[in-house]
Protein backbone atom coordinates (compact mmCIF):
# COMPACT_ATOMS: atom_id res chain seq x y z
CA MET A 1 -31.97 1.14 7.25
CA GLU A 2 -32.35 1.90 3.95
CA PRO A 3 -30.18 5.27 2.79
CA LEU A 4 -32.93 8.15 1.98
CA PRO A 5 -33.65 9.19 -1.67
CA SER A 6 -30.84 11.97 -2.94
CA TRP A 7 -33.35 14.27 -4.22
CA TYR A 8 -34.99 14.04 -0.65
CA VAL A 9 -32.09 15.33 1.44
CA ALA A 10 -31.12 17.90 -1.69
CA ALA A 11 -35.07 19.37 -0.86
CA LEU A 12 -33.85 19.13 2.80
CA GLN A 13 -30.53 21.24 2.29
CA GLN A 14 -32.33 23.59 0.44
CA ALA A 15 -35.02 24.19 2.57
CA TRP A 16 -32.64 24.77 5.52
CA ALA A 17 -29.97 27.03 3.38
CA GLU A 18 -33.43 29.31 2.91
CA ASP A 19 -33.74 29.09 6.26
CA ARG A 20 -36.55 26.97 6.90
CA ASP A 21 -36.97 24.45 10.05
CA ILE A 22 -36.86 21.48 8.34
CA ARG A 23 -36.07 19.76 12.52
CA TYR A 24 -39.69 20.52 12.59
CA GLY A 25 -40.58 19.13 9.89
CA ILE A 26 -39.08 15.44 9.99
CA VAL A 27 -40.37 15.16 13.78
CA HIS A 28 -44.24 16.64 13.47
CA ARG A 29 -44.16 14.50 9.70
CA ILE A 30 -44.86 17.23 7.30
CA VAL A 31 -42.51 15.96 5.19
CA SER A 32 -41.68 12.65 4.21
CA PRO A 33 -39.73 11.01 1.57
CA VAL A 34 -42.00 9.25 0.81
CA MET A 35 -44.01 12.38 -0.70
CA ASP A 36 -43.76 12.52 -4.41
CA PHE A 37 -41.69 15.99 -5.13
CA PRO A 38 -44.76 18.52 -5.81
CA GLU A 39 -46.46 17.67 -3.06
CA LEU A 40 -43.30 17.88 -0.82
CA PHE A 41 -42.18 21.12 -2.13
CA GLN A 42 -45.48 22.44 -1.23
CA GLN A 43 -44.69 21.52 2.26
CA ILE A 44 -41.79 22.61 2.38
CA THR A 45 -42.86 26.01 1.54
CA ARG A 46 -44.80 25.87 5.05
CA LEU A 47 -42.34 25.05 7.30
CA PRO A 48 -41.79 27.33 10.10
CA TRP A 49 -39.34 29.96 10.31
CA ARG A 50 -35.79 28.09 11.85
CA GLN A 51 -34.10 30.33 14.82
CA TRP A 52 -30.80 29.65 14.76
CA ARG A 53 -28.64 30.79 17.16
CA VAL A 54 -24.78 30.52 18.03
CA GLY A 55 -24.24 27.08 19.17
CA ASP A 56 -26.79 25.06 18.17
CA ARG A 57 -24.96 21.99 17.56
CA ARG A 58 -27.93 20.04 15.05
CA ILE A 59 -27.70 23.59 12.78
CA VAL A 60 -24.05 23.13 12.44
CA GLU A 61 -24.36 19.37 11.55
CA ILE A 62 -26.87 20.30 8.82
CA GLY A 63 -24.49 22.83 7.87
CA SER A 64 -21.84 20.78 7.64
CA THR A 65 -23.02 18.39 4.89
CA LEU A 66 -24.57 20.95 2.46
CA PRO A 67 -21.85 22.29 -0.57
CA HIS A 68 -21.17 25.25 -1.39
CA ARG A 69 -23.26 27.46 -3.96
CA MET A 70 -21.19 29.35 -6.65
CA THR A 71 -22.09 31.70 -9.22
CA ASP A 72 -22.17 32.56 -12.63
CA THR A 73 -23.46 35.58 -12.50
CA PRO A 74 -20.51 38.15 -13.87
CA ALA A 75 -22.27 41.15 -11.63
CA ILE A 76 -21.61 39.34 -8.53
CA ALA A 77 -18.19 38.09 -9.36
CA HIS A 78 -17.30 41.62 -9.96
CA ARG A 79 -18.75 42.89 -6.39
CA ILE A 80 -16.74 40.08 -4.90
CA GLY A 81 -13.86 41.17 -6.41
CA HIS A 82 -14.93 44.76 -4.94
CA ILE A 83 -14.64 43.45 -2.22
CA TRP A 84 -11.34 42.44 -1.55
CA ILE A 85 -10.24 45.81 -2.99
CA GLY A 86 -12.24 47.95 -0.55
CA ALA A 87 -10.31 45.73 2.03
CA GLU A 88 -7.05 46.23 0.53
CA CYS A 89 -7.65 50.17 0.31
CA ALA A 90 -8.92 50.25 4.09
CA LEU A 91 -5.65 48.64 5.85
CA ARG A 92 -3.45 50.59 3.74
CA ARG A 93 -5.42 53.86 4.85
CA VAL A 94 -4.90 53.00 8.50
CA TRP A 95 -1.33 50.96 8.14
CA GLY A 96 0.09 52.67 5.54
CA THR A 97 1.88 51.09 2.47
CA PRO A 98 3.12 47.24 3.18
CA PRO A 99 7.19 46.90 3.94
CA SER A 100 7.64 45.21 0.10
CA ALA A 101 6.20 46.36 -2.43
CA SER A 102 4.99 42.76 -3.71
CA THR A 103 3.06 42.19 -0.21
CA LEU A 104 -0.35 43.06 0.36
CA TRP A 105 -2.03 43.45 3.64
CA LEU A 106 -5.38 41.62 3.04
CA ALA A 107 -3.78 38.34 2.25
CA ARG A 108 -1.60 37.97 5.61
CA VAL A 109 -3.85 40.16 7.84
CA ALA A 110 -7.35 38.46 6.89
CA HIS A 111 -5.34 34.80 5.46
CA TRP A 112 -8.32 34.90 2.42
CA ASP A 113 -6.40 33.34 0.08
CA LEU A 114 -5.04 30.95 2.12
CA TYR A 115 -8.57 30.20 3.24
CA ARG A 116 -9.61 29.83 -0.21
CA THR A 117 -6.39 27.48 -1.82
CA GLN A 118 -7.02 24.88 1.61
CA VAL A 119 -10.57 24.95 2.18
CA GLY A 120 -11.77 24.62 -1.82
CA GLY A 121 -13.63 21.04 -2.09
CA LEU A 122 -14.21 20.63 1.56
CA ILE A 123 -17.48 19.88 2.38
CA ASP A 124 -16.82 19.34 6.11
CA VAL A 125 -15.43 21.90 7.12
CA ASN A 126 -14.82 21.47 11.25
CA ASP A 127 -12.75 23.24 13.47
CA HIS A 128 -10.05 21.20 13.92
CA VAL A 129 -9.62 21.37 10.14
CA LEU A 130 -9.52 25.10 10.31
CA GLN A 131 -6.95 25.65 13.11
CA GLN A 132 -4.28 22.90 11.53
CA ILE A 133 -4.76 25.10 8.34
CA VAL A 134 -3.71 28.19 9.90
CA ALA A 135 -1.26 26.10 12.58
CA ASN A 136 0.48 24.69 9.95
CA HIS A 137 0.99 27.54 7.21
CA PRO A 138 2.60 30.42 10.21
CA ASP A 139 4.31 31.92 7.49
CA ARG A 140 1.09 32.85 5.37
CA CYS A 141 -0.30 34.67 8.57
CA GLN A 142 0.63 37.55 10.42
CA MET A 143 -1.17 37.44 13.84
CA SER A 144 -0.91 39.16 16.78
CA ARG A 145 2.13 37.75 19.14
CA ALA A 146 -1.23 35.97 21.32
CA GLU A 147 -1.95 34.33 18.29
CA GLN A 148 1.62 32.86 17.73
CA TRP A 149 2.13 31.80 21.53
CA VAL A 150 -1.39 30.09 21.01
CA LEU A 151 -0.39 28.34 17.68
CA ARG A 152 3.54 27.60 18.70
CA HIS A 153 2.07 25.88 22.68
CA ARG A 154 -0.77 24.20 21.19
CA TRP A 155 -3.27 24.67 24.15
CA ASP A 156 -6.64 25.55 24.81
CA PRO A 157 -6.66 28.84 23.14
CA GLN A 158 -9.54 29.75 25.39
CA LYS A 159 -7.88 30.08 28.09
CA TRP A 160 -5.64 33.39 26.92
CA TYR A 161 -6.05 35.89 28.95
CA PRO A 162 -6.39 39.28 28.89
CA PHE A 163 -6.74 39.22 24.72
CA HIS A 164 -8.38 36.05 23.96
CA GLU A 165 -6.69 36.18 20.86
CA GLY A 166 -8.00 33.05 18.18
CA THR A 167 -6.79 33.28 15.21
CA GLY A 168 -8.99 36.11 13.23
CA ALA A 169 -12.06 34.79 12.42
CA MET A 170 -13.47 37.92 12.78
CA ARG A 171 -11.08 39.04 9.68
CA ARG A 172 -11.86 35.99 8.27
CA ALA A 173 -15.93 36.42 7.96
CA PRO A 174 -16.26 38.01 5.07
CA PHE A 175 -14.81 35.22 3.32
CA TRP A 176 -18.00 32.89 4.34
CA GLY A 177 -19.65 34.99 3.12
CA MET A 178 -17.89 35.29 -0.50
CA TRP A 179 -17.60 31.69 -0.70
CA THR A 180 -21.79 30.99 -0.10
CA LEU A 181 -24.25 32.70 -1.61
CA VAL A 182 -26.48 31.06 0.78
CA PRO A 183 -26.31 33.79 4.07
CA ASN A 184 -27.41 31.73 6.33
CA GLN A 185 -25.24 28.48 5.36
CA ALA A 186 -22.20 31.73 5.70
CA ALA A 187 -23.02 32.23 9.11
CA VAL A 188 -23.11 28.25 10.01
CA MET A 189 -19.68 28.39 8.92
CA ALA A 190 -17.97 31.71 9.91
CA ASP A 191 -19.42 30.08 13.29
CA MET A 192 -16.84 26.20 12.77
CA ASP A 193 -14.17 28.76 11.56
CA ALA A 194 -14.65 31.32 15.14
CA ARG A 195 -15.88 27.47 17.52
CA TRP A 196 -12.32 26.83 18.38
CA ALA A 197 -10.72 29.73 19.74
CA TYR A 198 -13.65 31.96 20.52
CA GLN A 199 -16.35 32.12 23.17
CA ALA A 200 -19.79 32.75 22.03
CA PRO A 201 -20.52 36.50 21.75
CA ALA A 202 -17.86 36.45 19.05
CA ARG A 203 -18.72 33.26 17.61
CA LEU A 204 -22.30 34.93 16.93
CA ILE A 205 -20.45 38.04 15.08
CA THR A 206 -19.00 36.66 12.86
CA ALA A 207 -21.98 34.28 11.81
CA VAL A 208 -23.70 38.08 11.51
CA ILE A 209 -20.77 39.35 9.15
CA ALA A 210 -20.76 36.39 7.13
CA ARG A 211 -24.84 36.63 6.58
CA THR A 212 -24.85 40.30 5.90
CA VAL A 213 -21.92 39.57 3.41
CA SER A 214 -23.36 36.87 1.61
CA ALA A 215 -27.49 38.46 1.77
CA ALA A 216 -25.47 41.73 0.26
CA LEU A 217 -24.13 40.30 -2.56
CA ILE A 218 -27.10 37.89 -3.69
CA GLN A 219 -29.16 41.12 -4.10
CA SER A 220 -30.05 42.64 -7.44
CA THR A 221 -29.51 46.75 -4.98
CA SER A 222 -27.38 47.04 -2.46
CA PRO A 223 -29.58 48.73 0.36
CA PRO A 224 -27.63 49.71 3.24
CA MET A 225 -24.88 47.71 4.84
CA THR A 226 -26.18 48.63 8.34
CA SER A 227 -29.76 48.01 7.48
CA LEU A 228 -28.63 44.19 6.53
CA LEU A 229 -26.70 43.91 10.14
CA PHE A 230 -29.08 44.75 11.95
CA ARG A 231 -31.58 41.95 9.67
CA SER A 232 -29.12 39.25 10.23
CA ILE A 233 -28.87 40.47 14.09
CA HIS A 234 -32.52 40.09 14.41
CA ARG A 235 -32.18 36.74 12.85
CA LEU A 236 -29.61 34.74 14.22
CA THR A 237 -30.13 36.35 17.93
CA PRO A 238 -33.49 35.58 20.36
CA ARG A 239 -35.14 37.77 21.67
CA HIS A 240 -33.94 40.47 24.43
CA TYR A 241 -30.25 39.24 23.93
CA PHE A 242 -27.37 41.61 25.15
CA LEU A 243 -25.95 42.22 21.65
CA ARG A 244 -29.00 44.04 20.30
CA ASN A 245 -29.51 46.11 23.44
CA LEU A 246 -26.14 46.84 22.31
CA ILE A 247 -27.06 47.98 19.15
CA ALA A 248 -30.20 49.35 20.14
CA THR A 249 -28.59 51.79 21.97
CA VAL A 250 -26.06 52.56 19.70
CA TRP A 251 -29.09 53.71 16.82
CA LYS A 252 -30.74 55.14 19.61
CA ARG A 253 -28.04 57.06 20.58
CA TYR A 254 -27.80 58.27 16.43
CA ARG A 255 -31.32 59.01 15.90
CA GLN A 256 -31.03 61.82 19.16
CA GLY A 257 -27.80 63.61 17.49
CA ILE A 258 -25.22 62.63 19.95
CA ARG A 259 -21.38 63.16 17.95
CA TRP A 260 -19.80 59.95 16.66
CA GLU A 261 -16.61 60.99 19.53
CA GLU A 262 -19.08 60.62 22.18
CA ALA A 263 -20.39 57.14 20.83
CA LEU A 264 -17.30 56.01 20.79
CA MET A 265 -16.48 57.37 24.35
CA TRP A 266 -19.75 55.36 25.39
CA ILE A 267 -18.21 52.18 24.40
CA SER A 268 -14.64 52.93 25.65
CA GLN A 269 -16.72 53.68 29.82
CA GLU A 270 -18.79 49.95 28.62
CA PHE A 271 -15.84 48.18 28.46
CA HIS A 272 -13.19 49.73 30.04
CA TYR A 273 -11.43 46.84 30.88
CA TYR A 274 -10.70 45.39 27.33
CA PRO A 275 -13.16 41.96 27.71
CA TRP A 276 -11.46 38.67 26.64
CA ASP A 277 -14.68 39.11 24.60
CA HIS A 278 -13.56 42.08 22.55
CA CYS A 279 -15.24 41.41 19.23
CA VAL A 280 -17.82 42.85 21.08
CA PRO A 281 -17.08 46.63 20.63
CA ASN A 282 -15.04 46.18 17.66
CA PHE A 283 -17.79 45.16 16.39
CA LEU A 284 -19.96 48.04 17.92
CA ILE A 285 -17.32 50.50 16.07
CA VAL A 286 -17.97 49.43 12.66
CA VAL A 287 -21.41 49.85 13.25
CA ILE A 288 -21.11 53.16 14.65
CA ALA A 289 -18.18 54.15 11.27
CA LEU A 290 -21.31 53.00 8.96
CA LEU A 291 -23.49 54.76 10.85
CA TYR A 292 -22.23 58.07 11.39
CA ALA A 293 -20.06 58.22 7.51
CA GLN A 294 -22.74 56.50 5.58
CA GLN A 295 -20.69 56.31 2.65
CA ASP A 296 -17.73 58.84 2.86
CA PHE A 297 -15.32 55.95 2.87
CA ASP A 298 -12.61 58.38 4.63
CA GLN A 299 -14.57 59.38 7.60
CA ALA A 300 -15.60 56.08 8.27
CA LEU A 301 -11.53 55.30 8.78
CA LYS A 302 -11.15 58.20 10.29
CA ILE A 303 -13.54 56.93 12.80
CA VAL A 304 -11.86 53.61 12.97
CA GLN A 305 -8.60 54.96 13.59
CA TYR A 306 -9.85 57.15 16.23
CA ALA A 307 -11.91 54.49 18.04
CA GLY A 308 -8.60 52.44 18.41
CA TRP A 309 -8.66 48.92 19.05
CA ASP A 310 -8.32 46.60 17.06
CA VAL A 311 -7.56 49.27 13.84
CA ALA A 312 -7.07 46.25 11.80
CA THR A 313 -9.93 44.34 12.19
CA ASN A 314 -12.44 47.47 12.27
CA ALA A 315 -10.89 48.94 8.77
CA LEU A 316 -10.97 45.46 6.89
CA LEU A 317 -14.37 45.27 7.71
CA THR A 318 -15.48 49.00 7.59
CA GLY A 319 -13.60 48.53 3.92
CA VAL A 320 -15.42 45.52 3.35
CA PHE A 321 -19.75 46.73 3.70
CA LEU A 322 -19.02 50.24 2.27
CA ALA A 323 -17.48 48.40 -0.71
CA LEU A 324 -20.47 46.63 -0.96
CA GLN A 325 -22.90 49.96 -1.12
CA THR A 326 -20.28 52.54 -2.55
CA SER A 327 -17.57 53.06 -5.38
CA ILE A 328 -14.17 53.20 -4.01
CA ASP A 329 -11.13 54.35 -6.08
CA PRO A 330 -7.40 52.80 -5.15
CA ASP A 331 -4.64 53.39 -6.18
CA GLU A 332 -3.48 51.86 -9.71
CA SER A 333 0.01 51.22 -8.59
CA TRP A 334 -0.76 48.11 -5.67
CA THR A 335 -3.80 47.00 -7.41
CA PRO A 336 -2.59 44.66 -10.09
CA LEU A 337 -1.06 43.11 -6.88
CA LEU A 338 -4.90 41.59 -6.60
CA SER A 339 -5.37 40.69 -9.90
CA SER A 340 -4.59 36.96 -9.57
CA ALA A 341 -5.82 36.30 -6.25
CA ILE A 342 -9.89 38.24 -7.54
CA HIS A 343 -9.24 36.12 -10.40
CA SER A 344 -8.47 32.58 -8.98
CA MET A 345 -11.77 33.67 -6.47
CA VAL A 346 -13.82 34.73 -9.21
CA VAL A 347 -12.89 31.49 -11.31
CA ARG A 348 -13.70 29.19 -7.76
CA LEU A 349 -17.03 30.97 -7.96
CA ARG A 350 -17.52 29.98 -11.14
CA SER A 351 -17.22 26.45 -11.34
């Protein structure tokens, strides 16, 4: 069998990244390598939108062959740097100053810098590679005791109970949104990151977060982050999926004038048993913080702290989303610590 023309493969990859159902096009012979490029391009634009969902192996396999798309746009590079500042600011608001003056919470909690140095240049980012990155660099990761136990004992992390801790894939989800500026490709990479330790709902949430960050970065003006989050949820989940229903309930109660304290009480009642898939209530807390605080950074983090649960993850994500739509003034005493990491990220994104 002769190999497919490289231009044909590239066209299909681009179509997939833009959310077209290329499998449908191939099966029904709408697209073919025998077409000339103008005809192929015309047919690709007529392909139906694909219904992506967590666990779809075909999409994961296609996504693993896609190169990351970087940017040479200074405005986007600046906003990426601002995301790092927003995340670190949020962690310092809820945890205070790190023990060492030369330490950043972000580097040890989210492992963004570790992934930047280890994942750069890899196209096939599979779950085994990601697991080994964290397992081989424990000194560069600050994890919960549950996470440390899982890594040290090398057993199936899905059996961990009651908290079902993985390795912070939800905290790293914004990284994939910054890494590739193709929203659905970012979702696939975040899903692969979470696949080895998380169950489907948590993997879906990491995909939603990554897709939202990527979608926000490529827009000339950032809409409210709740709107982008809701769009990602609707794009990545089937109709009547339980996460849609939960988000709809949060939104309805907000529109009815329910106070944020009562909204958090509802989460406590719904998830009183602290489920193994606790990424779900954590994600709802972030949504509530964004809805009720709007662009008030301090108020959003007040809500996050009041809620409890995984305060570090929720604060980090809230800081990322707010940094994408509002200006955050950090304490200048620690911002030089971020400069090299941000500079390296920007250089990587422009390369």
